[in-house]
Amino acid sequence: ITGTPLQNSIRELWALLHFLHPNLYADGDEFERKYSFNALKNPEAISALHDELQPLILRRQKGDVEKSLPKKTYSVLRVGMTSTQQKYYRWILTRNFAKINAGVNNSVRYGGGVLTFF
């Protein structure tokens, strides 16, 4: 149902389970009590949660599903910095905060807009 990892929230896990099986996972508060952070300190509770989730989890990798995908390739593109970027880069490396802050307060015109440096 999702490729997005859960954000360490039992309620979020319950919401997904409730969507799949609303009758089985009707009460979110009960699920949270059963699998709270403190409850999951117990190895038996972790095992019970794993057993409960096992039939619902399908772990696949792209290579297992689609055999015709080419291998992943990596490309490194070197891009030079503009003179303004070089100037700010030097100021950052030398910790010249006075120059950096002066540029931030005055902003720098670039093309049609205004750039602010942090």
PDB file of N, CA and C in Angstrom:
ATOM      1  N   ILE A   1       0.826  -1.198   0.000  1.00  0.00           N
ATOM      2  CA  ILE A   1       0.000   0.000   0.000  1.00  0.00           C
ATOM      3  C   ILE A   1       0.864   1.253   0.000  1.00  0.00           C
ATOM      4  N   THR A   2       2.078   1.144   0.522  1.00  0.00           N
ATOM      5  CA  THR A   2       2.915   2.336   0.567  1.00  0.00           C
ATOM      6  C   THR A   2       4.386   1.957   0.497  1.00  0.00           C
ATOM      7  N   GLY A   3       5.161   2.804  -0.124  1.00  0.00           N
ATOM      8  CA  GLY A   3       6.602   2.650  -0.121  1.00  0.00           C
ATOM      9  C   GLY A   3       7.231   3.646   0.825  1.00  0.00           C
ATOM     10  N   THR A   4       6.405   4.448   1.467  1.00  0.00           N
ATOM     11  CA  THR A   4       6.886   5.490   2.370  1.00  0.00           C
ATOM     12  C   THR A   4       7.110   4.908   3.752  1.00  0.00           C
ATOM     13  N   PRO A   5       8.279   5.114   4.332  1.00  0.00           N
ATOM     14  CA  PRO A   5       8.505   4.592   5.689  1.00  0.00           C
ATOM     15  C   PRO A   5       7.635   5.306   6.713  1.00  0.00           C
ATOM     16  N   LEU A   6       7.290   4.596   7.735  1.00  0.00           N
ATOM     17  CA  LEU A   6       6.523   5.199   8.822  1.00  0.00           C
ATOM     18  C   LEU A   6       7.429   6.113   9.623  1.00  0.00           C
ATOM     19  N   GLN A   7       6.874   7.135  10.195  1.00  0.00           N
ATOM     20  CA  GLN A   7       7.662   8.126  10.934  1.00  0.00           C
ATOM     21  C   GLN A   7       7.651   7.826  12.428  1.00  0.00           C
ATOM     22  N   ASN A   8       7.995   6.587  12.780  1.00  0.00           N
ATOM     23  CA  ASN A   8       8.099   6.178  14.184  1.00  0.00           C
ATOM     24  C   ASN A   8       6.824   6.447  14.976  1.00  0.00           C
ATOM     25  N   SER A   9       5.703   6.170  14.353  1.00  0.00           N
ATOM     26  CA  SER A   9       4.438   6.424  15.013  1.00  0.00           C
ATOM     27  C   SER A   9       3.551   5.179  14.923  1.00  0.00           C
ATOM     28  N   ILE A  10       3.171   4.662  16.083  1.00  0.00           N
ATOM     29  CA  ILE A  10       2.275   3.506  16.120  1.00  0.00           C
ATOM     30  C   ILE A  10       0.916   3.886  15.547  1.00  0.00           C
ATOM     31  N   ARG A  11       0.498   5.127  15.753  1.00  0.00           N
ATOM     32  CA  ARG A  11      -0.797   5.583  15.229  1.00  0.00           C
ATOM     33  C   ARG A  11      -0.790   5.559  13.700  1.00  0.00           C
ATOM     34  N   GLU A  12       0.336   5.917  13.115  1.00  0.00           N
ATOM     35  CA  GLU A  12       0.456   5.893  11.657  1.00  0.00           C
ATOM     36  C   GLU A  12       0.366   4.452  11.138  1.00  0.00           C
ATOM     37  N   LEU A  13       1.013   3.539  11.836  1.00  0.00           N
ATOM     38  CA  LEU A  13       0.916   2.122  11.473  1.00  0.00           C
ATOM     39  C   LEU A  13      -0.522   1.651  11.614  1.00  0.00           C
ATOM     40  N   TRP A  14      -1.164   2.012  12.708  1.00  0.00           N
ATOM     41  CA  TRP A  14      -2.559   1.630  12.894  1.00  0.00           C
ATOM     42  C   TRP A  14      -3.432   2.170  11.762  1.00  0.00           C
ATOM     43  N   ALA A  15      -3.210   3.405  11.330  1.00  0.00           N
ATOM     44  CA  ALA A  15      -4.027   3.993  10.258  1.00  0.00           C
ATOM     45  C   ALA A  15      -3.930   3.170   8.984  1.00  0.00           C
ATOM     46  N   LEU A  16      -2.721   2.702   8.646  1.00  0.00           N
ATOM     47  CA  LEU A  16      -2.571   1.849   7.460  1.00  0.00           C
ATOM     48  C   LEU A  16      -3.295   0.513   7.645  1.00  0.00           C
ATOM     49  N   LEU A  17      -3.141  -0.071   8.825  1.00  0.00           N
ATOM     50  CA  LEU A  17      -3.809  -1.344   9.095  1.00  0.00           C
ATOM     51  C   LEU A  17      -5.321  -1.184   9.127  1.00  0.00           C
ATOM     52  N   HIS A  18      -5.789  -0.090   9.690  1.00  0.00           N
ATOM     53  CA  HIS A  18      -7.225   0.196   9.731  1.00  0.00           C
ATOM     54  C   HIS A  18      -7.787   0.355   8.314  1.00  0.00           C
ATOM     55  N   PHE A  19      -7.016   0.969   7.438  1.00  0.00           N
ATOM     56  CA  PHE A  19      -7.440   1.113   6.044  1.00  0.00           C
ATOM     57  C   PHE A  19      -7.594  -0.256   5.387  1.00  0.00           C
ATOM     58  N   LEU A  20      -6.652  -1.161   5.673  1.00  0.00           N
ATOM     59  CA  LEU A  20      -6.690  -2.494   5.071  1.00  0.00           C
ATOM     60  C   LEU A  20      -7.774  -3.381   5.686  1.00  0.00           C
ATOM     61  N   HIS A  21      -7.900  -3.325   7.008  1.00  0.00           N
ATOM     62  CA  HIS A  21      -8.836  -4.193   7.733  1.00  0.00           C
ATOM     63  C   HIS A  21      -9.559  -3.393   8.810  1.00  0.00           C
ATOM     64  N   PRO A  22     -10.559  -2.586   8.423  1.00  0.00           N
ATOM     65  CA  PRO A  22     -11.215  -1.719   9.408  1.00  0.00           C
ATOM     66  C   PRO A  22     -11.897  -2.484  10.545  1.00  0.00           C
ATOM     67  N   ASN A  23     -12.386  -3.680  10.284  1.00  0.00           N
ATOM     68  CA  ASN A  23     -13.046  -4.443  11.353  1.00  0.00           C
ATOM     69  C   ASN A  23     -12.026  -5.029  12.328  1.00  0.00           C
ATOM     70  N   LEU A  24     -10.888  -5.461  11.815  1.00  0.00           N
ATOM     71  CA  LEU A  24      -9.857  -6.065  12.645  1.00  0.00           C
ATOM     72  C   LEU A  24      -9.097  -5.013  13.458  1.00  0.00           C
ATOM     73  N   TYR A  25      -8.891  -3.848  12.866  1.00  0.00           N
ATOM     74  CA  TYR A  25      -8.150  -2.764  13.523  1.00  0.00           C
ATOM     75  C   TYR A  25      -9.066  -1.559  13.706  1.00  0.00           C
ATOM     76  N   ALA A  26     -10.126  -1.755  14.472  1.00  0.00           N
ATOM     77  CA  ALA A  26     -11.134  -0.704  14.630  1.00  0.00           C
ATOM     78  C   ALA A  26     -10.721   0.368  15.642  1.00  0.00           C
ATOM     79  N   ASP A  27     -10.017  -0.031  16.687  1.00  0.00           N
ATOM     80  CA  ASP A  27      -9.730   0.884  17.789  1.00  0.00           C
ATOM     81  C   ASP A  27      -8.250   1.271  17.812  1.00  0.00           C
ATOM     82  N   GLY A  28      -7.954   2.499  17.423  1.00  0.00           N
ATOM     83  CA  GLY A  28      -6.582   2.984  17.393  1.00  0.00           C
ATOM     84  C   GLY A  28      -5.979   3.106  18.776  1.00  0.00           C
ATOM     85  N   ASP A  29      -6.797   3.507  19.766  1.00  0.00           N
ATOM     86  CA  ASP A  29      -6.277   3.652  21.134  1.00  0.00           C
ATOM     87  C   ASP A  29      -5.844   2.302  21.700  1.00  0.00           C
ATOM     88  N   GLU A  30      -6.631   1.281  21.435  1.00  0.00           N
ATOM     89  CA  GLU A  30      -6.282  -0.061  21.915  1.00  0.00           C
ATOM     90  C   GLU A  30      -4.984  -0.540  21.254  1.00  0.00           C
ATOM     91  N   PHE A  31      -4.855  -0.297  19.954  1.00  0.00           N
ATOM     92  CA  PHE A  31      -3.640  -0.695  19.231  1.00  0.00           C
ATOM     93  C   PHE A  31      -2.430   0.047  19.791  1.00  0.00           C
ATOM     94  N   GLU A  32      -2.602   1.333  20.083  1.00  0.00           N
ATOM     95  CA  GLU A  32      -1.495   2.118  20.653  1.00  0.00           C
ATOM     96  C   GLU A  32      -1.101   1.623  22.041  1.00  0.00           C
ATOM     97  N   ARG A  33      -2.082   1.234  22.839  1.00  0.00           N
ATOM     98  CA  ARG A  33      -1.762   0.690  24.171  1.00  0.00           C
ATOM     99  C   ARG A  33      -1.018  -0.639  24.035  1.00  0.00           C
ATOM    100  N   LYS A  34      -1.485  -1.467  23.120  1.00  0.00           N
ATOM    101  CA  LYS A  34      -0.901  -2.798  22.942  1.00  0.00           C
ATOM    102  C   LYS A  34       0.544  -2.724  22.441  1.00  0.00           C
ATOM    103  N   TYR A  35       0.830  -1.741  21.569  1.00  0.00           N
ATOM    104  CA  TYR A  35       2.156  -1.634  20.967  1.00  0.00           C
ATOM    105  C   TYR A  35       2.792  -0.265  21.243  1.00  0.00           C
ATOM    106  N   SER A  36       2.634   0.233  22.438  1.00  0.00           N
ATOM    107  CA  SER A  36       3.247   1.507  22.808  1.00  0.00           C
ATOM    108  C   SER A  36       4.762   1.349  22.875  1.00  0.00           C
ATOM    109  N   PHE A  37       5.454   2.464  22.964  1.00  0.00           N
ATOM    110  CA  PHE A  37       6.918   2.431  23.060  1.00  0.00           C
ATOM    111  C   PHE A  37       7.364   1.597  24.255  1.00  0.00           C
ATOM    112  N   ASN A  38       6.704   1.789  25.389  1.00  0.00           N
ATOM    113  CA  ASN A  38       7.059   1.025  26.593  1.00  0.00           C
ATOM    114  C   ASN A  38       6.737  -0.446  26.428  1.00  0.00           C
ATOM    115  N   ALA A  39       5.604  -0.757  25.796  1.00  0.00           N
ATOM    116  CA  ALA A  39       5.232  -2.159  25.586  1.00  0.00           C
ATOM    117  C   ALA A  39       6.227  -2.854  24.665  1.00  0.00           C
ATOM    118  N   LEU A  40       6.760  -2.125  23.685  1.00  0.00           N
ATOM    119  CA  LEU A  40       7.690  -2.738  22.728  1.00  0.00           C
ATOM    120  C   LEU A  40       9.096  -2.916  23.288  1.00  0.00           C
ATOM    121  N   LYS A  41       9.302  -2.545  24.542  1.00  0.00           N
ATOM    122  CA  LYS A  41      10.572  -2.866  25.210  1.00  0.00           C
ATOM    123  C   LYS A  41      10.618  -4.352  25.568  1.00  0.00           C
ATOM    124  N   ASN A  42       9.450  -4.968  25.557  1.00  0.00           N
ATOM    125  CA  ASN A  42       9.324  -6.388  25.852  1.00  0.00           C
ATOM    126  C   ASN A  42       9.508  -7.180  24.549  1.00  0.00           C
ATOM    127  N   PRO A  43      10.469  -8.113  24.495  1.00  0.00           N
ATOM    128  CA  PRO A  43      10.705  -8.877  23.272  1.00  0.00           C
ATOM    129  C   PRO A  43       9.489  -9.670  22.788  1.00  0.00           C
ATOM    130  N   GLU A  44       8.643 -10.105  23.719  1.00  0.00           N
ATOM    131  CA  GLU A  44       7.439 -10.848  23.321  1.00  0.00           C
ATOM    132  C   GLU A  44       6.468  -9.935  22.560  1.00  0.00           C
ATOM    133  N   ALA A  45       6.373  -8.675  22.971  1.00  0.00           N
ATOM    134  CA  ALA A  45       5.490  -7.729  22.277  1.00  0.00           C
ATOM    135  C   ALA A  45       6.007  -7.444  20.876  1.00  0.00           C
ATOM    136  N   ILE A  46       7.314  -7.333  20.736  1.00  0.00           N
ATOM    137  CA  ILE A  46       7.904  -7.115  19.409  1.00  0.00           C
ATOM    138  C   ILE A  46       7.625  -8.314  18.517  1.00  0.00           C
ATOM    139  N   SER A  47       7.811  -9.488  19.061  1.00  0.00           N
ATOM    140  CA  SER A  47       7.546 -10.712  18.306  1.00  0.00           C
ATOM    141  C   SER A  47       6.069 -10.800  17.895  1.00  0.00           C
ATOM    142  N   ALA A  48       5.183 -10.427  18.815  1.00  0.00           N
ATOM    143  CA  ALA A  48       3.750 -10.448  18.506  1.00  0.00           C
ATOM    144  C   ALA A  48       3.414  -9.460  17.384  1.00  0.00           C
ATOM    145  N   LEU A  49       4.021  -8.282  17.425  1.00  0.00           N
ATOM    146  CA  LEU A  49       3.783  -7.295  16.371  1.00  0.00           C
ATOM    147  C   LEU A  49       4.317  -7.807  15.034  1.00  0.00           C
ATOM    148  N   HIS A  50       5.508  -8.398  15.046  1.00  0.00           N
ATOM    149  CA  HIS A  50       6.061  -8.967  13.812  1.00  0.00           C
ATOM    150  C   HIS A  50       5.139 -10.049  13.250  1.00  0.00           C
ATOM    151  N   ASP A  51       4.647 -10.914  14.118  1.00  0.00           N
ATOM    152  CA  ASP A  51       3.738 -11.980  13.674  1.00  0.00           C
ATOM    153  C   ASP A  51       2.450 -11.405  13.099  1.00  0.00           C
ATOM    154  N   GLU A  52       1.970 -10.326  13.696  1.00  0.00           N
ATOM    155  CA  GLU A  52       0.729  -9.702  13.230  1.00  0.00           C
ATOM    156  C   GLU A  52       0.920  -9.019  11.873  1.00  0.00           C
ATOM    157  N   LEU A  53       2.102  -8.444  11.657  1.00  0.00           N
ATOM    158  CA  LEU A  53       2.367  -7.718  10.415  1.00  0.00           C
ATOM    159  C   LEU A  53       2.839  -8.622   9.275  1.00  0.00           C
ATOM    160  N   GLN A  54       3.405  -9.779   9.596  1.00  0.00           N
ATOM    161  CA  GLN A  54       4.018 -10.640   8.588  1.00  0.00           C
ATOM    162  C   GLN A  54       3.117 -10.924   7.382  1.00  0.00           C
ATOM    163  N   PRO A  55       1.841 -11.273   7.564  1.00  0.00           N
ATOM    164  CA  PRO A  55       1.008 -11.566   6.387  1.00  0.00           C
ATOM    165  C   PRO A  55       0.717 -10.332   5.519  1.00  0.00           C
ATOM    166  N   LEU A  56       0.966  -9.142   6.063  1.00  0.00           N
ATOM    167  CA  LEU A  56       0.616  -7.918   5.346  1.00  0.00           C
ATOM    168  C   LEU A  56       1.809  -7.263   4.650  1.00  0.00           C
ATOM    169  N   ILE A  57       3.006  -7.767   4.897  1.00  0.00           N
ATOM    170  CA  ILE A  57       4.202  -7.129   4.359  1.00  0.00           C
ATOM    171  C   ILE A  57       4.698  -7.882   3.141  1.00  0.00           C
ATOM    172  N   LEU A  58       4.937  -7.131   2.102  1.00  0.00           N
ATOM    173  CA  LEU A  58       5.531  -7.675   0.886  1.00  0.00           C
ATOM    174  C   LEU A  58       6.769  -6.853   0.604  1.00  0.00           C
ATOM    175  N   ARG A  59       7.911  -7.468   0.735  1.00  0.00           N
ATOM    176  CA  ARG A  59       9.183  -6.758   0.535  1.00  0.00           C
ATOM    177  C   ARG A  59       9.733  -7.148  -0.818  1.00  0.00           C
ATOM    178  N   ARG A  60       9.770  -6.181  -1.711  1.00  0.00           N
ATOM    179  CA  ARG A  60      10.305  -6.446  -3.048  1.00  0.00           C
ATOM    180  C   ARG A  60      11.296  -5.365  -3.408  1.00  0.00           C
ATOM    181  N   GLN A  61      12.238  -5.742  -4.250  1.00  0.00           N
ATOM    182  CA  GLN A  61      13.166  -4.780  -4.803  1.00  0.00           C
ATOM    183  C   GLN A  61      12.893  -4.687  -6.298  1.00  0.00           C
ATOM    184  N   LYS A  62      13.267  -3.558  -6.893  1.00  0.00           N
ATOM    185  CA  LYS A  62      12.985  -3.347  -8.314  1.00  0.00           C
ATOM    186  C   LYS A  62      13.537  -4.477  -9.172  1.00  0.00           C
ATOM    187  N   GLY A  63      14.729  -4.964  -8.834  1.00  0.00           N
ATOM    188  CA  GLY A  63      15.344  -6.034  -9.616  1.00  0.00           C
ATOM    189  C   GLY A  63      14.561  -7.335  -9.569  1.00  0.00           C
ATOM    190  N   ASP A  64      13.822  -7.554  -8.464  1.00  0.00           N
ATOM    191  CA  ASP A  64      13.009  -8.765  -8.339  1.00  0.00           C
ATOM    192  C   ASP A  64      11.729  -8.666  -9.152  1.00  0.00           C
ATOM    193  N   VAL A  65      11.260  -7.451  -9.377  1.00  0.00           N
ATOM    194  CA  VAL A  65       9.980  -7.245 -10.052  1.00  0.00           C
ATOM    195  C   VAL A  65      10.164  -7.052 -11.548  1.00  0.00           C
ATOM    196  N   GLU A  66      11.058  -6.193 -11.931  1.00  0.00           N
ATOM    197  CA  GLU A  66      11.263  -5.845 -13.342  1.00  0.00           C
ATOM    198  C   GLU A  66      12.679  -6.232 -13.744  1.00  0.00           C
ATOM    199  N   LYS A  67      12.796  -7.311 -14.506  1.00  0.00           N
ATOM    200  CA  LYS A  67      14.113  -7.845 -14.875  1.00  0.00           C
ATOM    201  C   LYS A  67      14.779  -7.051 -15.993  1.00  0.00           C
ATOM    202  N   SER A  68      14.000  -6.294 -16.763  1.00  0.00           N
ATOM    203  CA  SER A  68      14.571  -5.611 -17.923  1.00  0.00           C
ATOM    204  C   SER A  68      15.160  -4.232 -17.590  1.00  0.00           C
ATOM    205  N   LEU A  69      15.115  -3.829 -16.322  1.00  0.00           N
ATOM    206  CA  LEU A  69      15.683  -2.534 -15.959  1.00  0.00           C
ATOM    207  C   LEU A  69      17.200  -2.575 -16.085  1.00  0.00           C
ATOM    208  N   PRO A  70      17.789  -1.558 -16.679  1.00  0.00           N
ATOM    209  CA  PRO A  70      19.252  -1.529 -16.755  1.00  0.00           C
ATOM    210  C   PRO A  70      19.843  -1.257 -15.370  1.00  0.00           C
ATOM    211  N   LYS A  71      21.108  -1.588 -15.219  1.00  0.00           N
ATOM    212  CA  LYS A  71      21.803  -1.318 -13.965  1.00  0.00           C
ATOM    213  C   LYS A  71      21.835   0.186 -13.714  1.00  0.00           C
ATOM    214  N   LYS A  72      21.845   0.575 -12.476  1.00  0.00           N
ATOM    215  CA  LYS A  72      21.897   1.981 -12.108  1.00  0.00           C
ATOM    216  C   LYS A  72      23.266   2.543 -12.493  1.00  0.00           C
ATOM    217  N   THR A  73      23.254   3.707 -13.086  1.00  0.00           N
ATOM    218  CA  THR A  73      24.508   4.364 -13.434  1.00  0.00           C
ATOM    219  C   THR A  73      24.599   5.680 -12.667  1.00  0.00           C
ATOM    220  N   TYR A  74      25.815   6.048 -12.348  1.00  0.00           N
ATOM    221  CA  TYR A  74      26.058   7.292 -11.624  1.00  0.00           C
ATOM    222  C   TYR A  74      26.877   8.209 -12.516  1.00  0.00           C
ATOM    223  N   SER A  75      26.518   9.473 -12.537  1.00  0.00           N
ATOM    224  CA  SER A  75      27.265  10.464 -13.295  1.00  0.00           C
ATOM    225  C   SER A  75      27.603  11.628 -12.380  1.00  0.00           C
ATOM    226  N   VAL A  76      28.840  12.044 -12.441  1.00  0.00           N
ATOM    227  CA  VAL A  76      29.269  13.209 -11.671  1.00  0.00           C
ATOM    228  C   VAL A  76      29.448  14.344 -12.664  1.00  0.00           C
ATOM    229  N   LEU A  77      28.680  15.382 -12.484  1.00  0.00           N
ATOM    230  CA  LEU A  77      28.770  16.551 -13.358  1.00  0.00           C
ATOM    231  C   LEU A  77      29.446  17.676 -12.596  1.00  0.00           C
ATOM    232  N   ARG A  78      30.579  18.077 -13.063  1.00  0.00           N
ATOM    233  CA  ARG A  78      31.309  19.177 -12.438  1.00  0.00           C
ATOM    234  C   ARG A  78      30.787  20.487 -13.016  1.00  0.00           C
ATOM    235  N   VAL A  79      30.389  21.363 -12.139  1.00  0.00           N
ATOM    236  CA  VAL A  79      29.853  22.655 -12.557  1.00  0.00           C
ATOM    237  C   VAL A  79      30.631  23.731 -11.824  1.00  0.00           C
ATOM    238  N   GLY A  80      31.142  24.666 -12.551  1.00  0.00           N
ATOM    239  CA  GLY A  80      31.900  25.757 -11.937  1.00  0.00           C
ATOM    240  C   GLY A  80      30.987  26.738 -11.223  1.00  0.00           C
ATOM    241  N   MET A  81      31.601  27.481 -10.308  1.00  0.00           N
ATOM    242  CA  MET A  81      30.839  28.488  -9.576  1.00  0.00           C
ATOM    243  C   MET A  81      30.988  29.841 -10.254  1.00  0.00           C
ATOM    244  N   THR A  82      29.972  30.651 -10.101  1.00  0.00           N
ATOM    245  CA  THR A  82      30.060  32.018 -10.612  1.00  0.00           C
ATOM    246  C   THR A  82      31.037  32.788  -9.733  1.00  0.00           C
ATOM    247  N   SER A  83      31.435  33.955 -10.167  1.00  0.00           N
ATOM    248  CA  SER A  83      32.381  34.752  -9.374  1.00  0.00           C
ATOM    249  C   SER A  83      31.785  35.123  -8.014  1.00  0.00           C
ATOM    250  N   THR A  84      30.494  35.393  -7.956  1.00  0.00           N
ATOM    251  CA  THR A  84      29.841  35.722  -6.686  1.00  0.00           C
ATOM    252  C   THR A  84      29.844  34.502  -5.770  1.00  0.00           C
ATOM    253  N   GLN A  85      29.563  33.335  -6.322  1.00  0.00           N
ATOM    254  CA  GLN A  85      29.578  32.125  -5.512  1.00  0.00           C
ATOM    255  C   GLN A  85      30.994  31.844  -4.988  1.00  0.00           C
ATOM    256  N   GLN A  86      31.989  32.048  -5.814  1.00  0.00           N
ATOM    257  CA  GLN A  86      33.382  31.842  -5.393  1.00  0.00           C
ATOM    258  C   GLN A  86      33.748  32.785  -4.247  1.00  0.00           C
ATOM    259  N   LYS A  87      33.297  34.026  -4.368  1.00  0.00           N
ATOM    260  CA  LYS A  87      33.586  35.021  -3.342  1.00  0.00           C
ATOM    261  C   LYS A  87      32.970  34.579  -2.009  1.00  0.00           C
ATOM    262  N   TYR A  88      31.700  34.204  -2.024  1.00  0.00           N
ATOM    263  CA  TYR A  88      31.033  33.764  -0.803  1.00  0.00           C
ATOM    264  C   TYR A  88      31.649  32.468  -0.268  1.00  0.00           C
ATOM    265  N   TYR A  89      32.045  31.591  -1.155  1.00  0.00           N
ATOM    266  CA  TYR A  89      32.682  30.342  -0.746  1.00  0.00           C
ATOM    267  C   TYR A  89      33.978  30.633   0.020  1.00  0.00           C
ATOM    268  N   ARG A  90      34.779  31.547  -0.513  1.00  0.00           N
ATOM    269  CA  ARG A  90      36.018  31.943   0.168  1.00  0.00           C
ATOM    270  C   ARG A  90      35.707  32.558   1.533  1.00  0.00           C
ATOM    271  N   TRP A  91      34.698  33.418   1.592  1.00  0.00           N
ATOM    272  CA  TRP A  91      34.328  34.051   2.858  1.00  0.00           C
ATOM    273  C   TRP A  91      33.876  33.008   3.886  1.00  0.00           C
ATOM    274  N   ILE A  92      33.135  32.011   3.432  1.00  0.00           N
ATOM    275  CA  ILE A  92      32.684  30.951   4.344  1.00  0.00           C
ATOM    276  C   ILE A  92      33.874  30.154   4.851  1.00  0.00           C
ATOM    277  N   LEU A  93      34.772  29.774   3.942  1.00  0.00           N
ATOM    278  CA  LEU A  93      35.943  28.991   4.352  1.00  0.00           C
ATOM    279  C   LEU A  93      36.837  29.745   5.328  1.00  0.00           C
ATOM    280  N   THR A  94      36.964  31.045   5.135  1.00  0.00           N
ATOM    281  CA  THR A  94      37.820  31.851   6.013  1.00  0.00           C
ATOM    282  C   THR A  94      37.043  32.437   7.195  1.00  0.00           C
ATOM    283  N   ARG A  95      35.771  32.081   7.301  1.00  0.00           N
ATOM    284  CA  ARG A  95      34.906  32.549   8.400  1.00  0.00           C
ATOM    285  C   ARG A  95      34.854  34.071   8.471  1.00  0.00           C
ATOM    286  N   ASN A  96      34.758  34.682   7.324  1.00  0.00           N
ATOM    287  CA  ASN A  96      34.683  36.135   7.244  1.00  0.00           C
ATOM    288  C   ASN A  96      33.216  36.550   7.373  1.00  0.00           C
ATOM    289  N   PHE A  97      32.715  36.505   8.597  1.00  0.00           N
ATOM    290  CA  PHE A  97      31.304  36.749   8.846  1.00  0.00           C
ATOM    291  C   PHE A  97      30.892  38.185   8.530  1.00  0.00           C
ATOM    292  N   ALA A  98      31.801  39.122   8.680  1.00  0.00           N
ATOM    293  CA  ALA A  98      31.470  40.518   8.382  1.00  0.00           C
ATOM    294  C   ALA A  98      31.093  40.660   6.906  1.00  0.00           C
ATOM    295  N   LYS A  99      31.880  40.066   6.025  1.00  0.00           N
ATOM    296  CA  LYS A  99      31.578  40.144   4.583  1.00  0.00           C
ATOM    297  C   LYS A  99      30.299  39.377   4.254  1.00  0.00           C
ATOM    298  N   ILE A 100      30.150  38.208   4.858  1.00  0.00           N
ATOM    299  CA  ILE A 100      28.945  37.397   4.594  1.00  0.00           C
ATOM    300  C   ILE A 100      27.705  38.168   5.022  1.00  0.00           C
ATOM    301  N   ASN A 101      27.725  38.712   6.233  1.00  0.00           N
ATOM    302  CA  ASN A 101      26.563  39.444   6.736  1.00  0.00           C
ATOM    303  C   ASN A 101      26.302  40.714   5.943  1.00  0.00           C
ATOM    304  N   ALA A 102      27.355  41.369   5.483  1.00  0.00           N
ATOM    305  CA  ALA A 102      27.167  42.571   4.671  1.00  0.00           C
ATOM    306  C   ALA A 102      26.459  42.210   3.372  1.00  0.00           C
ATOM    307  N   GLY A 103      26.825  41.077   2.795  1.00  0.00           N
ATOM    308  CA  GLY A 103      26.164  40.625   1.564  1.00  0.00           C
ATOM    309  C   GLY A 103      24.726  40.238   1.804  1.00  0.00           C
ATOM    310  N   VAL A 104      24.437  39.628   2.964  1.00  0.00           N
ATOM    311  CA  VAL A 104      23.071  39.232   3.286  1.00  0.00           C
ATOM    312  C   VAL A 104      22.208  40.456   3.498  1.00  0.00           C
ATOM    313  N   ASN A 105      22.735  41.444   4.197  1.00  0.00           N
ATOM    314  CA  ASN A 105      21.953  42.654   4.457  1.00  0.00           C
ATOM    315  C   ASN A 105      21.694  43.447   3.188  1.00  0.00           C
ATOM    316  N   ASN A 106      22.654  43.466   2.286  1.00  0.00           N
ATOM    317  CA  ASN A 106      22.489  44.243   1.063  1.00  0.00           C
ATOM    318  C   ASN A 106      21.836  43.434  -0.042  1.00  0.00           C
ATOM    319  N   SER A 107      21.814  42.126   0.073  1.00  0.00           N
ATOM    320  CA  SER A 107      21.350  41.193  -0.949  1.00  0.00           C
ATOM    321  C   SER A 107      22.152  41.402  -2.228  1.00  0.00           C
ATOM    322  N   VAL A 108      22.083  40.483  -3.109  1.00  0.00           N
ATOM    323  CA  VAL A 108      22.860  40.544  -4.342  1.00  0.00           C
ATOM    324  C   VAL A 108      21.906  40.414  -5.510  1.00  0.00           C
ATOM    325  N   ARG A 109      21.994  41.324  -6.452  1.00  0.00           N
ATOM    326  CA  ARG A 109      21.152  41.261  -7.639  1.00  0.00           C
ATOM    327  C   ARG A 109      21.667  40.172  -8.555  1.00  0.00           C
ATOM    328  N   TYR A 110      20.753  39.344  -9.040  1.00  0.00           N
ATOM    329  CA  TYR A 110      21.144  38.249  -9.924  1.00  0.00           C
ATOM    330  C   TYR A 110      20.039  38.051 -10.935  1.00  0.00           C
ATOM    331  N   GLY A 111      20.307  38.269 -12.171  1.00  0.00           N
ATOM    332  CA  GLY A 111      19.267  38.116 -13.201  1.00  0.00           C
ATOM    333  C   GLY A 111      18.137  39.070 -12.931  1.00  0.00           C
ATOM    334  N   GLY A 112      16.932  38.518 -12.884  1.00  0.00           N
ATOM    335  CA  GLY A 112      15.766  39.372 -12.661  1.00  0.00           C
ATOM    336  C   GLY A 112      15.338  39.423 -11.219  1.00  0.00           C
ATOM    337  N   GLY A 113      15.976  38.614 -10.343  1.00  0.00           N
ATOM    338  CA  GLY A 113      15.521  38.577  -8.961  1.00  0.00           C
ATOM    339  C   GLY A 113      16.597  38.997  -7.998  1.00  0.00           C
ATOM    340  N   VAL A 114      16.348  38.752  -6.761  1.00  0.00           N
ATOM    341  CA  VAL A 114      17.309  39.091  -5.721  1.00  0.00           C
ATOM    342  C   VAL A 114      17.673  37.810  -5.009  1.00  0.00           C
ATOM    343  N   LEU A 115      18.971  37.543  -4.843  1.00  0.00           N
ATOM    344  CA  LEU A 115      19.430  36.393  -4.097  1.00  0.00           C
ATOM    345  C   LEU A 115      19.811  36.829  -2.697  1.00  0.00           C
ATOM    346  N   THR A 116      19.450  36.037  -1.729  1.00  0.00           N
ATOM    347  CA  THR A 116      19.896  36.287  -0.370  1.00  0.00           C
ATOM    348  C   THR A 116      20.766  35.121   0.023  1.00  0.00           C
ATOM    349  N   PHE A 117      21.929  35.422   0.581  1.00  0.00           N
ATOM    350  CA  PHE A 117      22.858  34.377   0.993  1.00  0.00           C
ATOM    351  C   PHE A 117      22.748  34.172   2.475  1.00  0.00           C
ATOM    352  N   PHE A 118      22.858  32.932   2.907  1.00  0.00           N
ATOM    353  CA  PHE A 118      22.726  32.594   4.317  1.00  0.00           C
ATOM    354  C   PHE A 118      24.074  32.277   4.884  1.00  0.00           C
TER     355      PHE A 118
END
